[in-house]
Amino acid sequence: MKTTLLLLLVAAVLLPGCANVYPPYQSMPGFVYSEMTTPGYASDEDLGTKSGVSAAESFVGIVAVGDASIAAGAADGGISKVTHVDYHTFSILGVYAKFECFVYGE
């Protein structure tokens, strides 16, 4: 019984680090819950009238799928000239994590 309890405690401490996302240029993960939006790229032009999003997800740090590239976000929004990029990250208990790239432009 003690061994099982000890293994569960060790797993609870170590596993939450498995599915974390770290936005470019910034590393501020939350152990239990993390959700933040960070800047990626900005030009000196207006934000633009179009926007698109791309995303990738991770499950327990074992499987990660998706295309969170700027190119995929631009294609989603029909953008040919990118003016700004923002990143949004979300993770909970290291079990699920999502990284999104928001692209703005014309």
N, C-alpha and C. Protein backbone atom coordinates (compact mmCIF):
# COMPACT_ATOMS: atom_id res chain seq x y z
N MET A 1 0.82 -1.20 0.00
CA MET A 1 0.00 0.00 0.00
C MET A 1 0.86 1.26 0.00
N LYS A 2 1.91 1.24 0.86
CA LYS A 2 2.79 2.41 0.92
C LYS A 2 3.53 2.62 -0.39
N THR A 3 3.92 1.53 -1.04
CA THR A 3 4.64 1.63 -2.31
C THR A 3 3.75 2.23 -3.38
N THR A 4 2.50 1.79 -3.44
CA THR A 4 1.54 2.33 -4.41
C THR A 4 1.31 3.81 -4.18
N LEU A 5 1.14 4.19 -2.94
CA LEU A 5 0.93 5.59 -2.60
C LEU A 5 2.14 6.43 -2.96
N LEU A 6 3.33 5.91 -2.71
CA LEU A 6 4.55 6.62 -3.04
C LEU A 6 4.70 6.79 -4.55
N LEU A 7 4.39 5.74 -5.31
CA LEU A 7 4.45 5.82 -6.77
C LEU A 7 3.46 6.84 -7.32
N LEU A 8 2.27 6.89 -6.76
CA LEU A 8 1.28 7.87 -7.19
C LEU A 8 1.74 9.29 -6.88
N LEU A 9 2.34 9.47 -5.75
CA LEU A 9 2.85 10.79 -5.37
C LEU A 9 3.99 11.23 -6.30
N VAL A 10 4.91 10.32 -6.60
CA VAL A 10 6.01 10.63 -7.51
C VAL A 10 5.47 10.95 -8.90
N ALA A 11 4.50 10.17 -9.38
CA ALA A 11 3.89 10.43 -10.70
C ALA A 11 3.19 11.78 -10.72
N ALA A 12 2.50 12.12 -9.64
CA ALA A 12 1.79 13.41 -9.57
C ALA A 12 2.76 14.58 -9.63
N VAL A 13 3.95 14.39 -9.11
CA VAL A 13 4.95 15.46 -9.12
C VAL A 13 5.67 15.53 -10.46
N LEU A 14 5.98 14.40 -11.06
CA LEU A 14 6.77 14.38 -12.28
C LEU A 14 5.97 14.54 -13.56
N LEU A 15 4.80 13.97 -13.64
CA LEU A 15 4.03 14.00 -14.88
C LEU A 15 3.53 15.37 -15.31
N PRO A 16 3.19 16.27 -14.41
CA PRO A 16 2.70 17.57 -14.88
C PRO A 16 3.66 18.34 -15.77
N GLY A 17 4.92 18.00 -15.77
CA GLY A 17 5.86 18.67 -16.64
C GLY A 17 5.89 18.13 -18.06
N CYS A 18 5.07 17.14 -18.34
CA CYS A 18 5.14 16.46 -19.63
C CYS A 18 4.53 17.26 -20.77
N ALA A 19 3.42 17.88 -20.57
CA ALA A 19 2.72 18.56 -21.67
C ALA A 19 2.65 20.05 -21.40
N ASN A 20 3.77 20.71 -21.52
CA ASN A 20 3.81 22.15 -21.35
C ASN A 20 4.13 22.81 -22.68
N VAL A 21 3.71 24.02 -22.84
CA VAL A 21 4.05 24.79 -24.03
C VAL A 21 4.75 26.06 -23.60
N TYR A 22 5.77 26.41 -24.32
CA TYR A 22 6.54 27.60 -24.02
C TYR A 22 6.51 28.52 -25.22
N PRO A 23 5.89 29.68 -25.07
CA PRO A 23 5.83 30.61 -26.21
C PRO A 23 7.22 31.10 -26.56
N PRO A 24 7.45 31.38 -27.82
CA PRO A 24 8.76 31.92 -28.21
C PRO A 24 9.09 33.19 -27.44
N TYR A 25 10.34 33.35 -27.12
CA TYR A 25 10.88 34.54 -26.44
C TYR A 25 10.42 34.68 -25.00
N GLN A 26 9.72 33.72 -24.48
CA GLN A 26 9.24 33.86 -23.11
C GLN A 26 9.03 32.47 -22.52
N SER A 27 9.45 32.27 -21.31
CA SER A 27 9.24 30.98 -20.66
C SER A 27 8.70 31.23 -19.26
N MET A 28 7.43 31.00 -19.07
CA MET A 28 6.79 31.22 -17.79
C MET A 28 5.69 30.17 -17.59
N PRO A 29 6.09 28.90 -17.49
CA PRO A 29 5.07 27.86 -17.37
C PRO A 29 4.44 27.83 -15.99
N GLY A 30 3.19 27.45 -15.94
CA GLY A 30 2.52 27.23 -14.67
C GLY A 30 2.52 25.74 -14.38
N PHE A 31 2.73 25.36 -13.16
CA PHE A 31 2.80 23.94 -12.80
C PHE A 31 1.45 23.26 -12.94
N VAL A 32 0.40 23.87 -12.42
CA VAL A 32 -0.93 23.28 -12.46
C VAL A 32 -1.73 23.80 -13.64
N TYR A 33 -1.68 25.10 -13.87
CA TYR A 33 -2.48 25.72 -14.94
C TYR A 33 -1.70 26.88 -15.52
N SER A 34 -1.71 27.00 -16.81
CA SER A 34 -1.03 28.10 -17.47
C SER A 34 -1.84 28.53 -18.68
N GLU A 35 -2.08 29.82 -18.80
CA GLU A 35 -2.75 30.37 -19.97
C GLU A 35 -2.27 31.80 -20.15
N MET A 36 -1.66 32.07 -21.31
CA MET A 36 -1.17 33.42 -21.55
C MET A 36 -1.09 33.71 -23.04
N THR A 37 -1.13 34.99 -23.35
CA THR A 37 -0.95 35.47 -24.71
C THR A 37 0.30 36.31 -24.73
N THR A 38 1.16 36.05 -25.71
CA THR A 38 2.43 36.78 -25.80
C THR A 38 2.64 37.30 -27.22
N PRO A 39 3.42 38.35 -27.37
CA PRO A 39 3.69 38.87 -28.71
C PRO A 39 4.68 37.99 -29.43
N GLY A 40 4.54 37.96 -30.74
CA GLY A 40 5.48 37.19 -31.53
C GLY A 40 6.24 38.08 -32.48
N TYR A 41 5.52 38.83 -33.29
CA TYR A 41 6.12 39.69 -34.30
C TYR A 41 5.20 40.87 -34.51
N ALA A 42 5.76 42.04 -34.69
CA ALA A 42 4.95 43.22 -34.99
C ALA A 42 5.71 44.13 -35.94
N SER A 43 5.01 44.61 -36.91
CA SER A 43 5.61 45.58 -37.82
C SER A 43 5.11 46.97 -37.43
N ASP A 44 5.56 47.98 -38.12
CA ASP A 44 5.11 49.34 -37.80
C ASP A 44 3.85 49.70 -38.58
N GLU A 45 3.22 48.73 -39.22
CA GLU A 45 2.00 48.96 -39.98
C GLU A 45 0.77 48.70 -39.12
N ASP A 46 -0.40 49.10 -39.63
CA ASP A 46 -1.65 48.82 -38.93
C ASP A 46 -1.84 47.32 -38.78
N LEU A 47 -2.71 46.95 -37.84
CA LEU A 47 -2.93 45.53 -37.54
C LEU A 47 -3.40 44.76 -38.76
N GLY A 48 -4.20 45.36 -39.61
CA GLY A 48 -4.72 44.68 -40.79
C GLY A 48 -6.18 44.32 -40.60
N THR A 49 -6.83 43.99 -41.69
CA THR A 49 -8.26 43.70 -41.63
C THR A 49 -8.55 42.20 -41.59
N LYS A 50 -7.54 41.38 -41.81
CA LYS A 50 -7.74 39.93 -41.82
C LYS A 50 -6.99 39.29 -40.66
N SER A 51 -7.50 38.14 -40.22
CA SER A 51 -6.81 37.38 -39.18
C SER A 51 -7.00 35.90 -39.42
N GLY A 52 -6.04 35.12 -38.99
CA GLY A 52 -6.11 33.67 -39.11
C GLY A 52 -5.44 33.04 -37.90
N VAL A 53 -5.72 31.77 -37.68
CA VAL A 53 -5.15 31.08 -36.53
C VAL A 53 -4.68 29.68 -36.93
N SER A 54 -3.59 29.26 -36.31
CA SER A 54 -3.11 27.90 -36.48
C SER A 54 -2.83 27.35 -35.07
N ALA A 55 -2.83 26.03 -34.93
CA ALA A 55 -2.69 25.47 -33.59
C ALA A 55 -2.02 24.10 -33.60
N ALA A 56 -1.42 23.77 -32.46
CA ALA A 56 -0.87 22.44 -32.22
C ALA A 56 -1.23 22.06 -30.79
N GLU A 57 -1.43 20.76 -30.55
CA GLU A 57 -1.82 20.27 -29.23
C GLU A 57 -0.90 19.14 -28.80
N SER A 58 -0.74 19.02 -27.49
CA SER A 58 0.08 17.96 -26.92
C SER A 58 -0.72 17.23 -25.84
N PHE A 59 -0.57 15.92 -25.81
CA PHE A 59 -1.29 15.09 -24.85
C PHE A 59 -0.27 14.33 -24.01
N VAL A 60 -0.18 14.67 -22.74
CA VAL A 60 0.72 14.07 -21.75
C VAL A 60 2.18 14.10 -22.21
N GLY A 61 2.50 14.99 -23.12
CA GLY A 61 3.87 15.07 -23.59
C GLY A 61 4.30 13.88 -24.43
N ILE A 62 3.36 13.00 -24.74
CA ILE A 62 3.68 11.80 -25.52
C ILE A 62 3.34 12.01 -26.98
N VAL A 63 2.19 12.61 -27.26
CA VAL A 63 1.73 12.83 -28.62
C VAL A 63 1.51 14.33 -28.81
N ALA A 64 2.08 14.87 -29.87
CA ALA A 64 1.86 16.27 -30.22
C ALA A 64 1.49 16.33 -31.69
N VAL A 65 0.40 17.03 -31.99
CA VAL A 65 -0.09 17.12 -33.37
C VAL A 65 -0.48 18.55 -33.69
N GLY A 66 -0.42 18.89 -34.97
CA GLY A 66 -0.89 20.18 -35.41
C GLY A 66 0.18 20.96 -36.16
N ASP A 67 -0.25 22.03 -36.76
CA ASP A 67 0.63 22.95 -37.48
C ASP A 67 0.36 24.35 -36.95
N ALA A 68 1.20 24.83 -36.07
CA ALA A 68 1.01 26.15 -35.47
C ALA A 68 1.94 27.18 -36.10
N SER A 69 2.23 27.00 -37.37
CA SER A 69 3.14 27.91 -38.05
C SER A 69 2.45 29.21 -38.46
N ILE A 70 3.25 30.23 -38.70
CA ILE A 70 2.72 31.49 -39.19
C ILE A 70 2.12 31.29 -40.58
N ALA A 71 2.75 30.46 -41.39
CA ALA A 71 2.24 30.19 -42.74
C ALA A 71 0.85 29.56 -42.70
N ALA A 72 0.63 28.64 -41.77
CA ALA A 72 -0.70 28.01 -41.64
C ALA A 72 -1.74 29.01 -41.17
N GLY A 73 -1.36 29.89 -40.25
CA GLY A 73 -2.28 30.93 -39.78
C GLY A 73 -2.62 31.92 -40.88
N ALA A 74 -1.62 32.28 -41.68
CA ALA A 74 -1.85 33.20 -42.80
C ALA A 74 -2.77 32.56 -43.83
N ALA A 75 -2.57 31.28 -44.10
CA ALA A 75 -3.43 30.57 -45.05
C ALA A 75 -4.86 30.49 -44.53
N ASP A 76 -5.02 30.27 -43.23
CA ASP A 76 -6.35 30.21 -42.62
C ASP A 76 -7.11 31.51 -42.79
N GLY A 77 -6.40 32.63 -42.70
CA GLY A 77 -7.05 33.93 -42.81
C GLY A 77 -7.00 34.55 -44.20
N GLY A 78 -6.42 33.85 -45.16
CA GLY A 78 -6.28 34.40 -46.50
C GLY A 78 -5.37 35.62 -46.53
N ILE A 79 -4.32 35.57 -45.75
CA ILE A 79 -3.42 36.71 -45.59
C ILE A 79 -2.19 36.52 -46.48
N SER A 80 -1.87 37.53 -47.27
CA SER A 80 -0.67 37.47 -48.11
C SER A 80 0.45 38.36 -47.56
N LYS A 81 0.08 39.34 -46.72
CA LYS A 81 1.07 40.24 -46.12
C LYS A 81 0.86 40.25 -44.60
N VAL A 82 1.74 39.59 -43.87
CA VAL A 82 1.64 39.49 -42.41
C VAL A 82 2.16 40.76 -41.77
N THR A 83 1.37 41.32 -40.85
CA THR A 83 1.80 42.53 -40.13
C THR A 83 2.07 42.28 -38.65
N HIS A 84 1.35 41.34 -38.05
CA HIS A 84 1.51 41.05 -36.63
C HIS A 84 1.26 39.58 -36.35
N VAL A 85 1.91 39.07 -35.30
CA VAL A 85 1.70 37.69 -34.86
C VAL A 85 1.64 37.70 -33.34
N ASP A 86 0.66 37.02 -32.77
CA ASP A 86 0.56 36.81 -31.33
C ASP A 86 0.48 35.31 -31.07
N TYR A 87 0.96 34.90 -29.90
CA TYR A 87 0.91 33.49 -29.51
C TYR A 87 0.03 33.33 -28.27
N HIS A 88 -0.71 32.25 -28.23
CA HIS A 88 -1.52 31.94 -27.05
C HIS A 88 -1.18 30.52 -26.63
N THR A 89 -0.88 30.35 -25.35
CA THR A 89 -0.57 29.03 -24.83
C THR A 89 -1.52 28.67 -23.70
N PHE A 90 -1.79 27.39 -23.59
CA PHE A 90 -2.68 26.87 -22.55
C PHE A 90 -2.17 25.49 -22.15
N SER A 91 -2.06 25.25 -20.87
CA SER A 91 -1.75 23.90 -20.40
C SER A 91 -2.38 23.68 -19.03
N ILE A 92 -2.78 22.44 -18.81
CA ILE A 92 -3.39 22.10 -17.54
C ILE A 92 -2.83 20.77 -17.04
N LEU A 93 -2.27 20.82 -15.85
CA LEU A 93 -1.72 19.66 -15.15
C LEU A 93 -0.73 18.85 -15.97
N GLY A 94 -0.16 19.43 -17.00
CA GLY A 94 0.79 18.69 -17.81
C GLY A 94 0.16 17.56 -18.61
N VAL A 95 -1.15 17.49 -18.58
CA VAL A 95 -1.86 16.44 -19.30
C VAL A 95 -2.25 16.90 -20.69
N TYR A 96 -2.65 18.15 -20.81
CA TYR A 96 -3.08 18.70 -22.10
C TYR A 96 -2.46 20.08 -22.27
N ALA A 97 -1.96 20.35 -23.46
CA ALA A 97 -1.40 21.66 -23.77
C ALA A 97 -1.78 22.04 -25.20
N LYS A 98 -1.98 23.35 -25.41
CA LYS A 98 -2.31 23.85 -26.74
C LYS A 98 -1.52 25.12 -27.00
N PHE A 99 -0.99 25.22 -28.21
CA PHE A 99 -0.25 26.39 -28.65
C PHE A 99 -0.94 26.93 -29.89
N GLU A 100 -1.32 28.21 -29.86
CA GLU A 100 -2.00 28.83 -30.99
C GLU A 100 -1.19 30.02 -31.50
N CYS A 101 -1.22 30.20 -32.80
CA CYS A 101 -0.53 31.31 -33.45
C CYS A 101 -1.59 32.15 -34.15
N PHE A 102 -1.76 33.40 -33.72
CA PHE A 102 -2.74 34.32 -34.32
C PHE A 102 -1.98 35.24 -35.27
N VAL A 103 -2.39 35.25 -36.52
CA VAL A 103 -1.72 36.02 -37.56
C VAL A 103 -2.65 37.11 -38.05
N TYR A 104 -2.13 38.33 -38.20
CA TYR A 104 -2.92 39.47 -38.67
C TYR A 104 -2.24 40.09 -39.89
N GLY A 105 -3.05 40.64 -40.78
CA GLY A 105 -2.48 41.30 -41.94
C GLY A 105 -3.49 41.57 -43.02
N GLU A 106 -3.00 41.67 -44.24
CA GLU A 106 -3.85 41.96 -45.41
C GLU A 106 -3.74 40.82 -46.41
